[in-house]
Protein backbone atom coordinates (compact mmCIF):
# COMPACT_ATOMS: atom_id res chain seq x y z
CA VAL A 1 -36.01 28.78 21.18
CA ASP A 2 -36.25 30.60 24.51
CA VAL A 3 -34.78 27.93 26.79
CA HIS A 4 -35.97 29.59 30.01
CA ALA A 5 -39.57 29.79 28.75
CA PHE A 6 -39.40 26.19 27.56
CA MET A 7 -38.18 24.98 30.97
CA ALA A 8 -40.49 27.14 33.09
CA PRO A 9 -43.26 24.53 33.49
CA TYR A 10 -40.76 21.95 34.73
CA GLN A 11 -39.85 22.80 38.29
CA ALA A 12 -36.87 21.17 40.02
CA ARG A 13 -37.74 18.68 42.72
CA ASN A 14 -35.91 16.17 44.84
CA ILE A 15 -35.11 12.86 43.17
CA ARG A 16 -35.52 9.70 45.17
CA PHE A 17 -32.69 7.30 44.41
CA GLU A 18 -33.36 3.59 44.76
CA ARG A 19 -30.65 1.24 46.01
CA LEU A 20 -30.44 -1.57 43.48
CA PRO A 21 -28.07 -4.51 42.87
CA PHE A 22 -24.80 -3.89 41.03
CA ASP A 23 -26.00 -5.88 37.98
CA HIS A 24 -29.48 -4.33 37.90
CA PRO A 25 -30.48 -4.03 34.21
CA LEU A 26 -29.62 -0.61 32.82
CA TYR A 27 -29.83 -0.96 29.04
CA ILE A 28 -31.16 -3.44 26.54
CA MET A 29 -28.98 -3.03 23.45
CA TYR A 30 -29.49 -4.49 20.01
CA SER A 31 -26.37 -5.35 18.03
CA SER A 32 -26.19 -3.63 14.66
CA GLY A 33 -27.00 -6.67 12.54
CA THR A 34 -23.86 -6.72 10.40
CA THR A 35 -23.44 -10.48 10.84
CA GLY A 36 -27.01 -11.74 11.21
CA VAL A 37 -30.11 -11.26 13.31
CA PRO A 38 -29.41 -8.55 15.93
CA LYS A 39 -28.63 -9.86 19.41
CA CYS A 40 -30.72 -8.53 22.30
CA ILE A 41 -28.09 -7.74 24.94
CA ILE A 42 -28.73 -6.79 28.58
CA HIS A 43 -26.16 -4.57 30.30
CA GLY A 44 -25.97 -3.98 34.05
CA ALA A 45 -25.77 -0.60 35.75
CA GLY A 46 -22.64 -1.08 37.84
CA GLY A 47 -20.39 -2.60 35.18
CA THR A 48 -21.45 -0.10 32.53
CA LEU A 49 -20.79 2.88 34.79
CA LEU A 50 -17.38 1.59 35.95
CA GLN A 51 -16.29 0.86 32.40
CA HIS A 52 -17.44 4.21 31.02
CA LEU A 53 -15.85 6.18 33.86
CA LYS A 54 -12.55 4.43 33.19
CA GLU A 55 -12.76 5.24 29.48
CA HIS A 56 -13.80 8.84 30.02
CA VAL A 57 -11.53 9.82 32.88
CA LEU A 58 -8.41 7.75 32.22
CA HIS A 59 -8.41 7.07 28.48
CA THR A 60 -9.88 10.41 27.34
CA ASP A 61 -8.86 12.66 30.27
CA ILE A 62 -12.37 14.09 30.62
CA LYS A 63 -12.62 16.45 33.58
CA PRO A 64 -15.40 18.51 35.20
CA GLY A 65 -16.14 21.44 32.94
CA ASP A 66 -15.16 19.67 29.71
CA ARG A 67 -17.69 19.85 26.90
CA LEU A 68 -18.21 16.39 25.41
CA PHE A 69 -19.82 15.83 22.01
CA TYR A 70 -20.46 12.65 20.05
CA PHE A 71 -22.25 12.72 16.72
CA THR A 72 -24.59 9.78 17.24
CA THR A 73 -28.20 8.73 17.20
CA CYS A 74 -29.99 7.05 20.11
CA GLY A 75 -29.75 3.79 18.16
CA TRP A 76 -25.95 3.60 18.44
CA MET A 77 -24.14 2.63 21.65
CA MET A 78 -22.08 5.81 21.46
CA TRP A 79 -25.18 7.64 22.71
CA ASN A 80 -25.13 5.52 25.88
CA TRP A 81 -21.38 6.12 26.15
CA LEU A 82 -21.94 9.86 25.76
CA VAL A 83 -24.59 9.97 28.52
CA SER A 84 -22.12 8.51 31.02
CA GLY A 85 -19.96 11.60 30.51
CA LEU A 86 -22.17 13.21 33.16
CA ALA A 87 -20.50 10.98 35.74
CA ALA A 88 -17.14 12.55 34.89
CA GLY A 89 -18.59 16.03 35.35
CA ALA A 90 -18.67 16.87 31.64
CA THR A 91 -21.28 19.00 29.92
CA LEU A 92 -22.92 17.02 27.13
CA MET A 93 -23.26 18.66 23.73
CA LEU A 94 -26.05 17.26 21.52
CA TYR A 95 -26.91 17.51 17.84
CA ASP A 96 -29.76 15.97 15.87
CA GLY A 97 -29.80 16.19 12.09
CA SER A 98 -27.60 15.87 9.03
CA PRO A 99 -23.89 16.60 9.61
CA PHE A 100 -23.56 17.94 6.06
CA ILE A 101 -25.89 20.92 6.03
CA SER A 102 -24.27 24.34 5.66
CA ARG A 103 -21.91 22.72 3.12
CA GLY A 104 -20.65 20.30 5.74
CA SER A 105 -19.66 22.95 8.26
CA VAL A 106 -22.47 22.65 10.81
CA LEU A 107 -20.71 20.42 13.37
CA TRP A 108 -17.52 22.47 13.23
CA ASP A 109 -19.40 25.74 13.57
CA TYR A 110 -21.02 24.14 16.62
CA ALA A 111 -17.65 22.98 18.00
CA ALA A 112 -16.15 26.46 17.64
CA ALA A 113 -19.15 28.36 19.01
CA GLU A 114 -19.65 26.09 22.04
CA LYS A 115 -15.94 25.43 22.71
CA ILE A 116 -16.25 21.66 22.51
CA SER A 117 -13.22 19.98 24.10
CA VAL A 118 -13.84 16.33 23.07
CA PHE A 119 -15.42 15.72 19.64
CA GLY A 120 -16.55 12.21 18.69
CA THR A 121 -17.68 10.94 15.31
CA SER A 122 -17.38 8.04 12.86
CA ALA A 123 -14.50 7.11 10.59
CA LYS A 124 -16.85 7.41 7.61
CA TYR A 125 -17.66 11.02 8.52
CA ILE A 126 -13.96 11.90 8.62
CA ASP A 127 -13.39 10.16 5.28
CA THR A 128 -16.30 12.09 3.74
CA LEU A 129 -14.95 15.43 5.02
CA ALA A 130 -11.64 14.63 3.35
CA LYS A 131 -13.31 13.69 0.05
CA LEU A 132 -15.27 16.96 0.12
CA GLY A 133 -12.01 18.86 0.58
CA LEU A 134 -13.21 20.58 3.77
CA GLU A 135 -10.68 22.07 6.19
CA PRO A 136 -12.61 22.93 9.37
CA GLY A 137 -9.56 24.06 11.32
CA ARG A 138 -8.47 26.68 8.81
CA THR A 139 -11.33 29.11 9.39
CA ARG A 140 -12.57 28.32 12.90
CA ASP A 141 -11.28 28.74 16.41
CA LEU A 142 -10.89 25.17 17.64
CA SER A 143 -8.53 26.11 20.45
CA ALA A 144 -10.77 24.36 23.00
CA LEU A 145 -10.66 21.07 21.10
CA ARG A 146 -8.34 18.62 22.85
CA ALA A 147 -9.37 15.20 21.57
CA LEU A 148 -11.04 13.80 18.48
CA LEU A 149 -12.53 10.30 18.79
CA SER A 150 -13.45 8.04 15.88
CA THR A 151 -15.22 4.69 15.73
CA GLY A 152 -17.74 2.66 13.74
CA SER A 153 -15.15 1.29 11.31
CA PRO A 154 -11.35 1.33 11.07
CA LEU A 155 -9.82 4.80 10.72
CA VAL A 156 -7.38 4.51 7.83
CA PRO A 157 -3.88 6.05 8.02
CA GLU A 158 -4.77 8.67 5.41
CA SER A 159 -7.56 9.93 7.68
CA PHE A 160 -4.98 10.50 10.42
CA ASP A 161 -3.05 12.69 7.96
CA TYR A 162 -6.22 14.58 7.08
CA VAL A 163 -7.21 15.26 10.71
CA TYR A 164 -3.81 16.68 11.66
CA ARG A 165 -3.60 18.72 8.46
CA ALA A 166 -7.15 20.06 8.12
CA ILE A 167 -8.70 20.00 11.61
CA LYS A 168 -6.01 20.54 14.24
CA ALA A 169 -2.32 19.70 14.54
CA ASP A 170 -2.16 19.39 18.33
CA LEU A 171 -4.90 17.09 19.55
CA GLN A 172 -5.29 13.49 20.64
CA LEU A 173 -6.73 11.52 17.72
CA ALA A 174 -8.15 8.39 19.30
CA SER A 175 -9.50 5.67 17.06
CA ILE A 176 -11.56 3.49 19.40
CA SER A 177 -13.15 0.06 18.99
CA GLY A 178 -15.34 -2.24 21.01
CA GLY A 179 -19.01 -2.61 20.42
CA THR A 180 -22.57 -2.85 21.52
CA ASP A 181 -21.76 -6.33 22.91
CA ILE A 182 -19.63 -4.75 25.67
CA ILE A 183 -21.15 -1.23 25.49
CA SER A 184 -17.57 0.03 25.60
CA CYS A 185 -14.11 -0.48 24.08
CA PHE A 186 -11.46 -3.17 23.84
CA ALA A 187 -8.95 -0.69 22.38
CA LEU A 188 -8.95 3.09 22.53
CA GLY A 189 -6.91 6.20 23.26
CA CYS A 190 -4.40 7.19 25.90
CA PRO A 191 -3.59 10.87 26.52
CA ILE A 192 -0.02 10.21 27.71
CA VAL A 193 1.34 8.09 24.84
CA PRO A 194 2.01 9.00 21.19
CA VAL A 195 -0.54 8.69 18.41
CA TRP A 196 0.82 6.45 15.66
CA ARG A 197 -0.60 6.81 12.17
CA GLY A 198 -3.25 4.17 11.49
CA GLU A 199 -3.20 2.64 14.99
CA LEU A 200 -5.52 2.50 17.96
CA GLN A 201 -3.29 3.73 20.77
CA CYS A 202 -3.72 1.00 23.36
CA ARG A 203 -5.82 -1.78 24.80
CA GLY A 204 -8.32 -0.85 27.50
CA LEU A 205 -7.11 -0.73 31.08
CA GLY A 206 -8.17 -3.86 32.95
CA MET A 207 -9.01 -5.64 29.67
CA LYS A 208 -6.91 -8.74 29.03
CA VAL A 209 -7.05 -8.32 25.26
CA GLU A 210 -4.89 -10.56 23.08
CA VAL A 211 -4.61 -11.56 19.42
CA TRP A 212 -4.82 -15.31 18.81
CA ASN A 213 -4.30 -17.54 15.80
CA ASP A 214 -6.78 -20.29 14.90
CA GLU A 215 -5.08 -22.69 17.33
CA GLY A 216 -5.47 -20.26 20.25
CA ARG A 217 -1.83 -19.15 20.45
CA PRO A 218 -1.02 -15.45 21.08
CA LEU A 219 0.34 -13.40 18.20
CA HIS A 220 2.28 -10.12 18.04
CA GLY A 221 2.87 -8.37 14.74
CA GLU A 222 0.65 -10.88 12.89
CA LYS A 223 -3.04 -10.79 12.05
CA GLY A 224 -5.40 -12.86 14.13
CA GLU A 225 -8.55 -12.96 16.23
CA LEU A 226 -9.27 -10.41 18.95
CA VAL A 227 -10.00 -12.20 22.21
CA CYS A 228 -10.35 -11.19 25.84
CA THR A 229 -9.06 -13.90 28.16
CA ALA A 230 -10.41 -12.64 31.51
CA PRO A 231 -13.74 -11.21 32.71
CA PHE A 232 -14.35 -7.45 32.63
CA PRO A 233 -16.98 -5.19 34.27
CA SER A 234 -19.17 -4.48 31.24
CA MET A 235 -19.73 -8.04 30.06
CA PRO A 236 -23.45 -8.46 29.35
CA THR A 237 -25.48 -9.83 32.21
CA GLY A 238 -27.17 -11.96 29.55
CA PHE A 239 -29.43 -11.92 26.50
CA TRP A 240 -33.14 -11.22 26.61
CA ASN A 241 -35.25 -14.39 26.53
CA ASP A 242 -32.21 -16.62 27.06
CA PRO A 243 -32.82 -18.05 30.54
CA ASP A 244 -30.14 -20.74 30.40
CA GLY A 245 -27.52 -18.48 28.74
CA LYS A 246 -27.22 -20.74 25.70
CA LYS A 247 -27.44 -17.94 23.11
CA TYR A 248 -25.03 -15.79 25.10
CA ARG A 249 -22.38 -18.51 25.34
CA ALA A 250 -22.81 -19.38 21.65
CA ALA A 251 -22.27 -15.75 20.63
CA TYR A 252 -18.91 -15.25 22.34
CA PHE A 253 -17.47 -18.41 23.88
CA GLU A 254 -17.79 -21.21 21.29
CA ARG A 255 -14.76 -20.41 19.11
CA PHE A 256 -12.35 -20.56 22.07
CA PRO A 257 -14.03 -22.24 25.06
CA GLY A 258 -14.09 -19.97 28.09
CA VAL A 259 -12.51 -17.05 26.21
CA TRP A 260 -14.40 -14.07 24.78
CA HIS A 261 -14.03 -14.12 20.97
CA HIS A 262 -15.12 -10.75 19.62
CA GLY A 263 -15.07 -11.40 15.88
CA ASP A 264 -12.56 -8.72 14.83
CA TYR A 265 -9.55 -9.53 12.65
CA VAL A 266 -6.71 -7.49 14.17
CA GLU A 267 -2.98 -7.06 14.70
CA LEU A 268 -0.88 -5.91 17.66
CA THR A 269 1.80 -3.46 16.55
CA ALA A 270 5.37 -2.78 17.62
CA HIS A 271 4.04 0.17 19.67
CA ASP A 272 1.58 -2.14 21.47
CA GLY A 273 -1.22 -0.45 19.59
CA LEU A 274 -3.85 -2.20 17.54
CA VAL A 275 -4.77 -2.24 13.85
CA ILE A 276 -8.18 -3.57 12.85
CA HIS A 277 -8.39 -5.27 9.46
CA GLY A 278 -12.12 -5.95 9.43
CA ARG A 279 -14.67 -8.37 10.80
CA SER A 280 -13.45 -11.98 11.11
CA ASP A 281 -16.52 -13.41 9.41
CA ALA A 282 -16.07 -11.04 6.45
CA VAL A 283 -12.41 -11.96 5.94
CA LEU A 284 -11.66 -12.94 2.34
CA ASN A 285 -9.80 -16.17 1.67
CA PRO A 286 -8.65 -16.35 -1.97
CA GLY A 287 -6.21 -19.20 -2.49
CA GLY A 288 -6.19 -19.85 1.26
CA VAL A 289 -4.75 -16.40 2.10
CA ARG A 290 -6.73 -14.46 4.73
CA ILE A 291 -7.38 -10.82 3.79
CA GLY A 292 -9.21 -8.25 5.92
CA THR A 293 -11.72 -6.21 3.94
CA ALA A 294 -10.45 -2.97 5.52
CA GLU A 295 -7.12 -3.54 3.77
CA ILE A 296 -8.90 -3.21 0.42
CA TYR A 297 -11.22 -0.36 1.42
CA ARG A 298 -8.25 1.71 2.55
CA GLN A 299 -6.73 1.62 -0.93
CA VAL A 300 -9.86 1.94 -3.06
CA GLU A 301 -11.38 4.84 -1.18
CA GLN A 302 -8.28 6.96 -1.68
CA LEU A 303 -9.39 7.38 -5.30
CA ASP A 304 -11.41 10.56 -5.78
CA GLU A 305 -13.98 8.80 -7.94
CA VAL A 306 -14.89 6.23 -5.27
CA VAL A 307 -17.26 7.28 -2.49
CA GLU A 308 -17.32 3.90 -0.75
CA SER A 309 -16.81 0.22 -1.46
CA LEU A 310 -17.72 -3.27 -0.27
CA ALA A 311 -15.77 -6.49 -0.86
CA ILE A 312 -16.88 -10.11 -0.62
CA GLY A 313 -15.46 -13.52 -1.40
CA GLN A 314 -17.50 -15.24 -4.14
CA ASP A 315 -17.39 -19.02 -4.42
CA TRP A 316 -15.64 -19.77 -7.70
CA PRO A 317 -16.47 -21.22 -10.08
CA PRO A 318 -20.15 -20.81 -9.13
CA GLN A 319 -21.38 -24.31 -10.07
CA GLN A 320 -18.50 -26.34 -8.64
CA PRO A 321 -16.53 -24.02 -6.39
CA ASP A 322 -13.09 -25.04 -5.23
CA ASP A 323 -11.90 -21.55 -4.25
CA VAL A 324 -13.16 -18.00 -3.74
CA ARG A 325 -12.44 -14.89 -5.74
CA VAL A 326 -12.51 -11.30 -4.52
CA VAL A 327 -15.38 -9.18 -5.82
CA LEU A 328 -15.39 -5.45 -5.18
CA PHE A 329 -18.51 -3.30 -5.38
CA VAL A 330 -17.99 0.46 -5.68
CA ARG A 331 -20.25 3.46 -5.32
CA LEU A 332 -18.90 6.33 -7.38
CA ARG A 333 -19.44 10.06 -7.23
CA ASP A 334 -22.72 11.21 -8.75
CA GLY A 335 -22.65 11.21 -12.53
CA LEU A 336 -19.65 8.90 -12.89
CA THR A 337 -19.74 5.54 -14.65
CA LEU A 338 -17.31 2.70 -14.06
CA ASP A 339 -15.23 2.09 -17.17
CA SER A 340 -12.25 -0.11 -17.99
CA ALA A 341 -9.78 2.70 -17.26
CA LEU A 342 -11.14 3.23 -13.73
CA VAL A 343 -11.25 -0.52 -13.11
CA GLN A 344 -7.58 -0.68 -14.06
CA ARG A 345 -6.73 2.23 -11.74
CA ILE A 346 -8.59 0.54 -8.87
CA ARG A 347 -6.77 -2.73 -9.42
CA GLN A 348 -3.41 -1.01 -9.78
CA GLN A 349 -3.93 0.99 -6.58
CA ILE A 350 -4.63 -2.24 -4.70
CA ARG A 351 -1.79 -4.17 -6.33
CA ASP A 352 0.79 -1.42 -5.71
CA ASN A 353 -0.04 -1.07 -2.01
CA THR A 354 -1.02 -4.58 -0.90
CA THR A 355 -0.46 -7.93 -2.67
CA PRO A 356 -1.69 -9.54 -5.90
CA ARG A 357 -4.06 -11.67 -3.77
CA HIS A 358 -5.93 -8.50 -2.75
CA VAL A 359 -6.71 -7.50 -6.35
CA PRO A 360 -10.40 -8.11 -7.14
CA ALA A 361 -11.31 -10.47 -9.94
CA ALA A 362 -14.43 -8.40 -10.61
CA VAL A 363 -15.19 -4.74 -9.96
CA VAL A 364 -18.88 -3.84 -10.11
CA GLN A 365 -20.58 -0.44 -9.85
CA VAL A 366 -23.62 -0.05 -7.58
CA SER A 367 -25.67 3.02 -6.73
CA ASP A 368 -25.93 2.26 -3.01
CA ILE A 369 -24.34 -0.01 -0.43
CA PRO A 370 -26.55 -1.64 2.23
CA ARG A 371 -25.82 -0.69 5.80
CA THR A 372 -27.26 -1.14 9.27
CA ARG A 373 -29.14 1.60 11.06
CA SER A 374 -25.90 2.52 12.82
CA GLY A 375 -24.15 3.00 9.48
CA LYS A 376 -22.09 -0.20 9.19
CA ILE A 377 -21.86 -1.89 5.80
CA VAL A 378 -23.08 -5.49 5.68
CA GLU A 379 -20.66 -7.67 3.74
CA LEU A 380 -22.31 -10.92 4.83
CA ALA A 381 -25.76 -9.84 3.65
CA VAL A 382 -24.33 -8.99 0.23
CA ARG A 383 -22.41 -12.25 0.11
CA ASN A 384 -25.62 -14.16 0.82
CA ILE A 385 -27.50 -12.29 -1.92
CA VAL A 386 -24.74 -13.01 -4.46
CA HIS A 387 -24.85 -16.72 -3.56
CA GLY A 388 -28.65 -16.91 -3.64
CA LEU A 389 -28.94 -17.42 0.11
CA PRO A 390 -31.48 -15.74 2.42
CA VAL A 391 -30.55 -12.64 4.40
CA LYS A 392 -31.42 -13.04 8.07
CA ASN A 393 -31.12 -9.41 9.16
CA ILE A 394 -33.29 -7.44 6.71
CA GLU A 395 -35.03 -5.61 9.60
CA ALA A 396 -31.67 -4.32 10.85
CA LEU A 397 -30.87 -2.54 7.59
CA ALA A 398 -31.44 1.16 7.05
CA ASN A 399 -31.71 0.67 3.27
CA PRO A 400 -32.73 -2.95 2.54
CA GLU A 401 -33.83 -1.96 -0.96
CA ALA A 402 -30.13 -1.60 -1.85
CA LEU A 403 -29.72 -5.39 -1.72
CA ALA A 404 -31.71 -5.89 -4.93
CA GLN A 405 -28.94 -4.57 -7.17
CA PHE A 406 -26.51 -7.28 -5.98
CA ARG A 407 -28.77 -10.12 -7.14
CA ASP A 408 -28.19 -11.88 -10.48
CA ARG A 409 -25.50 -9.53 -11.75
CA GLU A 410 -24.17 -10.47 -15.15
CA GLU A 411 -20.63 -9.53 -14.03
CA LEU A 412 -20.71 -12.26 -11.39
CA ARG A 413 -21.53 -15.20 -13.64
CA ALA A 414 -19.04 -17.67 -15.00
């Protein structure tokens, strides 16, 4: 495409800027739908810009002249986050299409050719690169690349190893986490502290993030609920069609009155970093022991045969349940069939690296795993299907047809 010819009809002209209130609506965001009907969230201009500038300039060290890329669609909040890079003086690098054309090299060819300095993507993309055996840094000049950002799901420790081995040894690998609800991050990177394998580097500046137990007491070194105990700039200004704020308060402030409860099951580390073990409402509870689903996914997806997995807690026994059992669904590489030997390897991998409570009672092969349009797997939707309950967020799924294979499975009957 001849860019100059394309732009010729569009002549530059003066832009008239309106003076508007700090909380003037900027974005209406829809949550991904992993836990139910998507929330319709309104974000204000001032708080969003302040929060993004902090995260770009201080947490990511973005400077004028940097070239900022995030592999995202317009339906994911990382697109909105990317756009704010203009305020830090960065040049935005855009890509639309599959990241796996040209045998998976297209984004890294782009990064090398355009000298991208900050490259953002999803944890699943990094995991897939590793499973494909690709080593982008071996054959490309990535000397301009200074930071690699990952979000969407927890970045497992093995992915840290892969990035530093196969992409670049001297960069800031920042696993970041927050969400559409705050259009930003609760925990993210810091360019002046070490990167610890498997950890998000730090909590966001100005964010009073803590980990609480069920009684509302702070924890350190133990798993608990991620909360934010003080207001922050990018809190939603409200929900659409919620004039009295009832839906908004119910979404975040009912679990701990007056305190933002985000719904992530997390742990503060000895380095004051953060480890995310999964969504709170997807936590498994066999025998009364709380287990984050990410703890299981980390182990299972190290096996070459397994492309991805999804775990739920199934009421057990089905007719008169007095406990739950862990059920693991796996999608295998094309052409592979789950057999007793692979089931045993999966269970042994989990048992050897976690606890006996983590070991699934049933392992079931599926051809696809349902996910939202932003790529997040939906444990609660699958759990509802298995228990014969309705799924409230069908419209939020990118592949709702995948749910059918979880219904009435022989392997899940008593």
